Amino acid sequence: MAEDPIRDAGMEVRRAVLGDAHVDRAIERTTDFTAPFQDFITRYAWGSVWTRPGLERRTRSAITLAVLTALGRENEIAMHVRGALRNGMTPEEIGEVLLHTAIYAGVPAANAAYAIAQRTIDEETATGGSEDPPA
């Protein structure tokens, strides 16, 4: 693949937030069909938005958790709880984000997110954290 500074920056941030193991698994599962999507999220989500200087990564993690909760995107919450922990958020802060989101997005959505976040925090605590250290 040709050198692309935005994509390269995106991959760096993606790995820092989600961890090498997660990103490596995603890359290994990439097919000809999914390759354009993998490139898209690396380039635009991670390379064009997460690299912007206007917000710290921990703030971006808080916003991401709130939006995922509000939209009921439960399949993405655990991954971003891990990212939030890597970005310096505490379990208490993650809980506050979910509690705040409950008021504006609804209790059922926050209830589901709390359950996922608790399982994820417990897993990370039991194993001493993700296999990938924070950036």
N, C-alpha and C. Protein backbone atom coordinates (compact mmCIF):
# COMPACT_ATOMS: atom_id res chain seq x y z
N MET A 1 0.84 -1.18 0.00
CA MET A 1 0.00 0.00 0.00
C MET A 1 0.89 1.24 0.00
N ALA A 2 0.52 2.23 -0.78
CA ALA A 2 1.31 3.46 -0.91
C ALA A 2 1.33 4.21 0.42
N GLU A 3 2.41 4.94 0.63
CA GLU A 3 2.54 5.74 1.85
C GLU A 3 1.48 6.82 1.86
N ASP A 4 0.80 6.96 2.98
CA ASP A 4 -0.27 7.93 3.14
C ASP A 4 -0.21 8.45 4.57
N PRO A 5 0.20 9.70 4.78
CA PRO A 5 0.39 10.22 6.14
C PRO A 5 -0.89 10.20 6.99
N ILE A 6 -2.04 10.45 6.38
CA ILE A 6 -3.29 10.45 7.14
C ILE A 6 -3.63 9.03 7.58
N ARG A 7 -3.50 8.09 6.66
CA ARG A 7 -3.77 6.69 7.00
C ARG A 7 -2.77 6.19 8.04
N ASP A 8 -1.48 6.56 7.88
CA ASP A 8 -0.45 6.16 8.84
C ASP A 8 -0.74 6.72 10.23
N ALA A 9 -1.12 7.99 10.30
CA ALA A 9 -1.48 8.60 11.58
C ALA A 9 -2.70 7.91 12.17
N GLY A 10 -3.66 7.60 11.31
CA GLY A 10 -4.85 6.89 11.77
C GLY A 10 -4.53 5.53 12.34
N MET A 11 -3.64 4.81 11.69
CA MET A 11 -3.26 3.48 12.19
C MET A 11 -2.55 3.61 13.53
N GLU A 12 -1.72 4.62 13.67
CA GLU A 12 -1.01 4.85 14.94
C GLU A 12 -2.00 5.10 16.08
N VAL A 13 -2.98 5.97 15.85
CA VAL A 13 -3.97 6.28 16.89
C VAL A 13 -4.88 5.07 17.12
N ARG A 14 -5.29 4.42 16.06
CA ARG A 14 -6.15 3.23 16.19
C ARG A 14 -5.47 2.18 17.07
N ARG A 15 -4.19 1.94 16.83
CA ARG A 15 -3.44 0.97 17.64
C ARG A 15 -3.29 1.45 19.08
N ALA A 16 -3.05 2.74 19.27
CA ALA A 16 -2.87 3.28 20.63
C ALA A 16 -4.16 3.16 21.43
N VAL A 17 -5.30 3.40 20.80
CA VAL A 17 -6.57 3.38 21.52
C VAL A 17 -7.12 1.97 21.66
N LEU A 18 -7.12 1.21 20.59
CA LEU A 18 -7.75 -0.12 20.60
C LEU A 18 -6.78 -1.24 20.95
N GLY A 19 -5.50 -1.00 20.81
CA GLY A 19 -4.49 -2.00 21.11
C GLY A 19 -4.06 -2.76 19.88
N ASP A 20 -2.80 -3.14 19.88
CA ASP A 20 -2.24 -3.87 18.74
C ASP A 20 -2.98 -5.18 18.48
N ALA A 21 -3.29 -5.91 19.53
CA ALA A 21 -3.94 -7.22 19.35
C ALA A 21 -5.29 -7.07 18.65
N HIS A 22 -6.08 -6.08 19.06
CA HIS A 22 -7.38 -5.87 18.42
C HIS A 22 -7.22 -5.49 16.95
N VAL A 23 -6.33 -4.55 16.69
CA VAL A 23 -6.13 -4.08 15.31
C VAL A 23 -5.55 -5.20 14.45
N ASP A 24 -4.61 -5.96 14.99
CA ASP A 24 -4.04 -7.08 14.24
C ASP A 24 -5.13 -8.10 13.88
N ARG A 25 -6.05 -8.38 14.82
CA ARG A 25 -7.15 -9.31 14.51
C ARG A 25 -8.04 -8.75 13.40
N ALA A 26 -8.33 -7.46 13.45
CA ALA A 26 -9.15 -6.84 12.42
C ALA A 26 -8.47 -6.93 11.06
N ILE A 27 -7.17 -6.68 11.03
CA ILE A 27 -6.42 -6.74 9.78
C ILE A 27 -6.38 -8.17 9.25
N GLU A 28 -6.16 -9.13 10.14
CA GLU A 28 -6.12 -10.54 9.72
C GLU A 28 -7.45 -11.00 9.11
N ARG A 29 -8.55 -10.46 9.62
CA ARG A 29 -9.88 -10.84 9.12
C ARG A 29 -10.31 -10.04 7.89
N THR A 30 -9.49 -9.10 7.46
CA THR A 30 -9.83 -8.27 6.31
C THR A 30 -9.86 -9.11 5.04
N THR A 31 -10.91 -8.92 4.27
CA THR A 31 -11.06 -9.61 2.99
C THR A 31 -11.07 -8.56 1.88
N ASP A 32 -11.09 -9.01 0.65
CA ASP A 32 -11.22 -8.07 -0.46
C ASP A 32 -12.49 -7.24 -0.31
N PHE A 33 -13.53 -7.86 0.22
CA PHE A 33 -14.82 -7.17 0.39
C PHE A 33 -14.74 -6.11 1.49
N THR A 34 -14.07 -6.42 2.63
CA THR A 34 -14.04 -5.50 3.77
C THR A 34 -12.86 -4.52 3.75
N ALA A 35 -11.89 -4.74 2.85
CA ALA A 35 -10.71 -3.88 2.80
C ALA A 35 -11.04 -2.40 2.62
N PRO A 36 -11.98 -2.04 1.74
CA PRO A 36 -12.29 -0.61 1.62
C PRO A 36 -12.85 -0.01 2.91
N PHE A 37 -13.62 -0.79 3.67
CA PHE A 37 -14.16 -0.28 4.93
C PHE A 37 -13.04 -0.12 5.96
N GLN A 38 -12.13 -1.09 6.05
CA GLN A 38 -11.00 -0.98 6.98
C GLN A 38 -10.17 0.26 6.66
N ASP A 39 -9.93 0.50 5.38
CA ASP A 39 -9.19 1.68 4.96
C ASP A 39 -9.95 2.95 5.33
N PHE A 40 -11.26 2.94 5.11
CA PHE A 40 -12.12 4.08 5.40
C PHE A 40 -12.06 4.46 6.88
N ILE A 41 -12.25 3.47 7.78
CA ILE A 41 -12.26 3.82 9.20
C ILE A 41 -10.87 4.23 9.69
N THR A 42 -9.84 3.60 9.15
CA THR A 42 -8.48 3.97 9.56
C THR A 42 -8.16 5.39 9.10
N ARG A 43 -8.51 5.69 7.88
CA ARG A 43 -8.19 7.00 7.30
C ARG A 43 -9.06 8.11 7.89
N TYR A 44 -10.36 7.91 7.94
CA TYR A 44 -11.25 9.02 8.31
C TYR A 44 -11.58 9.08 9.80
N ALA A 45 -11.99 7.97 10.40
CA ALA A 45 -12.31 8.02 11.83
C ALA A 45 -11.05 8.26 12.64
N TRP A 46 -10.03 7.43 12.41
CA TRP A 46 -8.83 7.50 13.23
C TRP A 46 -7.83 8.53 12.71
N GLY A 47 -7.68 8.67 11.40
CA GLY A 47 -6.66 9.56 10.84
C GLY A 47 -7.10 11.00 10.67
N SER A 48 -8.39 11.22 10.46
CA SER A 48 -8.86 12.59 10.24
C SER A 48 -9.58 13.19 11.44
N VAL A 49 -10.20 12.35 12.27
CA VAL A 49 -10.96 12.88 13.41
C VAL A 49 -10.22 12.68 14.73
N TRP A 50 -9.84 11.44 15.05
CA TRP A 50 -9.18 11.18 16.33
C TRP A 50 -7.82 11.89 16.43
N THR A 51 -7.22 12.29 15.34
CA THR A 51 -5.92 12.98 15.38
C THR A 51 -6.05 14.49 15.50
N ARG A 52 -7.26 15.01 15.42
CA ARG A 52 -7.43 16.46 15.51
C ARG A 52 -7.02 16.97 16.88
N PRO A 53 -6.47 18.19 16.95
CA PRO A 53 -5.98 18.71 18.22
C PRO A 53 -7.05 19.28 19.15
N GLY A 54 -8.28 19.40 18.72
CA GLY A 54 -9.30 20.10 19.50
C GLY A 54 -9.76 19.42 20.78
N LEU A 55 -9.60 18.09 20.89
CA LEU A 55 -10.01 17.36 22.08
C LEU A 55 -8.95 16.34 22.45
N GLU A 56 -8.80 16.09 23.75
CA GLU A 56 -7.90 15.02 24.20
C GLU A 56 -8.54 13.68 23.89
N ARG A 57 -7.75 12.64 23.82
CA ARG A 57 -8.27 11.30 23.54
C ARG A 57 -9.26 10.84 24.60
N ARG A 58 -9.02 11.16 25.86
CA ARG A 58 -9.95 10.72 26.90
C ARG A 58 -11.32 11.38 26.73
N THR A 59 -11.35 12.63 26.28
CA THR A 59 -12.62 13.29 25.99
C THR A 59 -13.30 12.64 24.80
N ARG A 60 -12.52 12.32 23.78
CA ARG A 60 -13.08 11.62 22.62
C ARG A 60 -13.65 10.26 23.04
N SER A 61 -12.96 9.58 23.95
CA SER A 61 -13.48 8.30 24.44
C SER A 61 -14.81 8.49 25.17
N ALA A 62 -14.89 9.52 26.00
CA ALA A 62 -16.14 9.78 26.73
C ALA A 62 -17.29 10.05 25.76
N ILE A 63 -17.04 10.86 24.75
CA ILE A 63 -18.07 11.16 23.75
C ILE A 63 -18.45 9.90 23.00
N THR A 64 -17.47 9.11 22.63
CA THR A 64 -17.72 7.88 21.89
C THR A 64 -18.60 6.94 22.70
N LEU A 65 -18.29 6.76 23.99
CA LEU A 65 -19.11 5.89 24.84
C LEU A 65 -20.54 6.42 24.96
N ALA A 66 -20.69 7.72 25.09
CA ALA A 66 -22.03 8.30 25.19
C ALA A 66 -22.83 8.07 23.90
N VAL A 67 -22.21 8.29 22.77
CA VAL A 67 -22.90 8.12 21.50
C VAL A 67 -23.24 6.65 21.25
N LEU A 68 -22.29 5.76 21.50
CA LEU A 68 -22.55 4.33 21.31
C LEU A 68 -23.70 3.88 22.20
N THR A 69 -23.71 4.36 23.43
CA THR A 69 -24.80 4.02 24.35
C THR A 69 -26.12 4.57 23.84
N ALA A 70 -26.13 5.83 23.45
CA ALA A 70 -27.37 6.46 22.98
C ALA A 70 -27.93 5.76 21.75
N LEU A 71 -27.05 5.30 20.88
CA LEU A 71 -27.50 4.65 19.65
C LEU A 71 -27.72 3.14 19.82
N GLY A 72 -27.42 2.63 21.01
CA GLY A 72 -27.60 1.19 21.25
C GLY A 72 -26.62 0.33 20.48
N ARG A 73 -25.44 0.82 20.26
CA ARG A 73 -24.41 0.07 19.52
C ARG A 73 -23.61 -0.79 20.48
N GLU A 74 -24.30 -1.73 21.11
CA GLU A 74 -23.72 -2.54 22.17
C GLU A 74 -22.50 -3.35 21.72
N ASN A 75 -22.45 -3.72 20.45
CA ASN A 75 -21.31 -4.51 19.96
C ASN A 75 -20.01 -3.71 19.94
N GLU A 76 -20.07 -2.41 20.08
CA GLU A 76 -18.87 -1.56 20.05
C GLU A 76 -18.46 -1.07 21.44
N ILE A 77 -19.33 -1.23 22.43
CA ILE A 77 -19.09 -0.61 23.74
C ILE A 77 -17.87 -1.20 24.44
N ALA A 78 -17.75 -2.52 24.51
CA ALA A 78 -16.61 -3.12 25.22
C ALA A 78 -15.28 -2.65 24.63
N MET A 79 -15.20 -2.64 23.31
CA MET A 79 -13.97 -2.20 22.65
C MET A 79 -13.62 -0.77 23.06
N HIS A 80 -14.63 0.09 23.14
CA HIS A 80 -14.36 1.49 23.47
C HIS A 80 -14.21 1.72 24.98
N VAL A 81 -14.74 0.82 25.81
CA VAL A 81 -14.42 0.89 27.24
C VAL A 81 -12.93 0.61 27.42
N ARG A 82 -12.43 -0.42 26.73
CA ARG A 82 -10.99 -0.70 26.79
C ARG A 82 -10.19 0.50 26.30
N GLY A 83 -10.63 1.10 25.21
CA GLY A 83 -9.96 2.29 24.69
C GLY A 83 -9.99 3.43 25.68
N ALA A 84 -11.13 3.62 26.34
CA ALA A 84 -11.25 4.69 27.33
C ALA A 84 -10.28 4.46 28.49
N LEU A 85 -10.16 3.21 28.93
CA LEU A 85 -9.19 2.90 29.99
C LEU A 85 -7.77 3.20 29.51
N ARG A 86 -7.46 2.83 28.27
CA ARG A 86 -6.12 3.13 27.70
C ARG A 86 -5.89 4.63 27.61
N ASN A 87 -6.97 5.37 27.37
CA ASN A 87 -6.85 6.82 27.22
C ASN A 87 -6.89 7.55 28.56
N GLY A 88 -6.84 6.80 29.66
CA GLY A 88 -6.71 7.42 30.97
C GLY A 88 -7.99 7.62 31.74
N MET A 89 -9.13 7.18 31.20
CA MET A 89 -10.37 7.31 31.96
C MET A 89 -10.38 6.24 33.05
N THR A 90 -10.95 6.58 34.20
CA THR A 90 -11.09 5.62 35.29
C THR A 90 -12.44 4.92 35.14
N PRO A 91 -12.60 3.76 35.77
CA PRO A 91 -13.92 3.12 35.78
C PRO A 91 -15.01 4.06 36.32
N GLU A 92 -14.66 4.87 37.33
CA GLU A 92 -15.64 5.81 37.89
C GLU A 92 -16.07 6.84 36.85
N GLU A 93 -15.12 7.34 36.08
CA GLU A 93 -15.46 8.32 35.03
C GLU A 93 -16.31 7.68 33.94
N ILE A 94 -15.99 6.45 33.58
CA ILE A 94 -16.80 5.74 32.58
C ILE A 94 -18.23 5.60 33.10
N GLY A 95 -18.37 5.24 34.38
CA GLY A 95 -19.70 5.16 34.99
C GLY A 95 -20.44 6.48 34.95
N GLU A 96 -19.73 7.57 35.20
CA GLU A 96 -20.36 8.90 35.15
C GLU A 96 -20.85 9.23 33.74
N VAL A 97 -20.06 8.87 32.74
CA VAL A 97 -20.48 9.10 31.35
C VAL A 97 -21.76 8.33 31.08
N LEU A 98 -21.82 7.07 31.52
CA LEU A 98 -23.01 6.25 31.27
C LEU A 98 -24.21 6.76 32.05
N LEU A 99 -24.00 7.21 33.28
CA LEU A 99 -25.09 7.77 34.08
C LEU A 99 -25.63 9.05 33.43
N HIS A 100 -24.73 9.90 32.99
CA HIS A 100 -25.13 11.13 32.32
C HIS A 100 -25.89 10.82 31.03
N THR A 101 -25.42 9.82 30.31
CA THR A 101 -26.08 9.43 29.06
C THR A 101 -27.48 8.89 29.33
N ALA A 102 -27.67 8.22 30.48
CA ALA A 102 -29.00 7.67 30.82
C ALA A 102 -30.06 8.76 30.84
N ILE A 103 -29.70 9.92 31.30
CA ILE A 103 -30.67 11.02 31.38
C ILE A 103 -31.10 11.48 30.00
N TYR A 104 -30.19 11.53 29.07
CA TYR A 104 -30.48 12.08 27.75
C TYR A 104 -30.80 11.04 26.70
N ALA A 105 -30.35 9.81 26.87
CA ALA A 105 -30.56 8.77 25.86
C ALA A 105 -31.50 7.67 26.33
N GLY A 106 -31.73 7.60 27.63
CA GLY A 106 -32.66 6.61 28.15
C GLY A 106 -32.00 5.59 29.05
N VAL A 107 -32.77 5.18 30.06
CA VAL A 107 -32.29 4.22 31.03
C VAL A 107 -32.00 2.85 30.42
N PRO A 108 -32.86 2.30 29.54
CA PRO A 108 -32.53 0.98 28.98
C PRO A 108 -31.20 0.95 28.23
N ALA A 109 -30.92 1.99 27.48
CA ALA A 109 -29.65 2.04 26.75
C ALA A 109 -28.47 2.09 27.73
N ALA A 110 -28.59 2.91 28.75
CA ALA A 110 -27.51 3.02 29.73
C ALA A 110 -27.39 1.73 30.55
N ASN A 111 -28.49 1.08 30.86
CA ASN A 111 -28.46 -0.17 31.60
C ASN A 111 -27.65 -1.22 30.84
N ALA A 112 -27.90 -1.35 29.55
CA ALA A 112 -27.15 -2.30 28.73
C ALA A 112 -25.67 -1.92 28.68
N ALA A 113 -25.39 -0.63 28.54
CA ALA A 113 -24.00 -0.17 28.48
C ALA A 113 -23.28 -0.41 29.80
N TYR A 114 -23.97 -0.17 30.92
CA TYR A 114 -23.38 -0.44 32.23
C TYR A 114 -22.98 -1.91 32.35
N ALA A 115 -23.85 -2.81 31.93
CA ALA A 115 -23.55 -4.25 32.03
C ALA A 115 -22.32 -4.61 31.21
N ILE A 116 -22.25 -4.08 30.00
CA ILE A 116 -21.10 -4.35 29.14
C ILE A 116 -19.83 -3.73 29.73
N ALA A 117 -19.94 -2.50 30.19
CA ALA A 117 -18.78 -1.81 30.77
C ALA A 117 -18.28 -2.55 32.01
N GLN A 118 -19.20 -2.99 32.87
CA GLN A 118 -18.79 -3.70 34.08
C GLN A 118 -18.04 -4.98 33.75
N ARG A 119 -18.58 -5.77 32.80
CA ARG A 119 -17.89 -7.00 32.39
C ARG A 119 -16.50 -6.68 31.85
N THR A 120 -16.42 -5.64 31.04
CA THR A 120 -15.14 -5.28 30.42
C THR A 120 -14.14 -4.79 31.46
N ILE A 121 -14.58 -3.94 32.38
CA ILE A 121 -13.70 -3.44 33.44
C ILE A 121 -13.25 -4.61 34.31
N ASP A 122 -14.16 -5.53 34.63
CA ASP A 122 -13.79 -6.71 35.43
C ASP A 122 -12.73 -7.54 34.70
N GLU A 123 -12.93 -7.75 33.39
CA GLU A 123 -11.95 -8.51 32.61
C GLU A 123 -10.59 -7.83 32.62
N GLU A 124 -10.59 -6.52 32.41
CA GLU A 124 -9.34 -5.79 32.36
C GLU A 124 -8.64 -5.79 33.72
N THR A 125 -9.42 -5.71 34.79
CA THR A 125 -8.87 -5.72 36.15
C THR A 125 -8.32 -7.11 36.49
N ALA A 126 -9.07 -8.15 36.13
CA ALA A 126 -8.66 -9.51 36.45
C ALA A 126 -7.37 -9.91 35.72
N THR A 127 -7.19 -9.39 34.52
CA THR A 127 -6.01 -9.77 33.73
C THR A 127 -4.87 -8.77 33.91
N GLY A 128 -5.09 -7.75 34.71
CA GLY A 128 -4.06 -6.74 34.88
C GLY A 128 -4.03 -5.75 33.75
N GLY A 129 -5.09 -5.73 32.96
CA GLY A 129 -5.18 -4.81 31.84
C GLY A 129 -5.01 -5.52 30.52
N SER A 130 -5.27 -4.81 29.49
CA SER A 130 -5.17 -5.35 28.15
C SER A 130 -3.74 -5.73 27.84
N GLU A 131 -3.59 -6.60 26.86
CA GLU A 131 -2.25 -7.02 26.46
C GLU A 131 -1.47 -5.88 25.83
N ASP A 132 -2.14 -4.79 25.54
CA ASP A 132 -1.49 -3.64 24.92
C ASP A 132 -1.44 -2.49 25.90
N PRO A 133 -0.26 -1.96 26.26
CA PRO A 133 -0.16 -0.85 27.19
C PRO A 133 -0.70 0.43 26.57
N PRO A 134 -1.10 1.39 27.41
CA PRO A 134 -1.57 2.68 26.90
C PRO A 134 -0.46 3.41 26.15
N ALA A 135 -0.87 4.23 25.20
CA ALA A 135 0.11 5.02 24.44
C ALA A 135 0.45 6.27 25.20
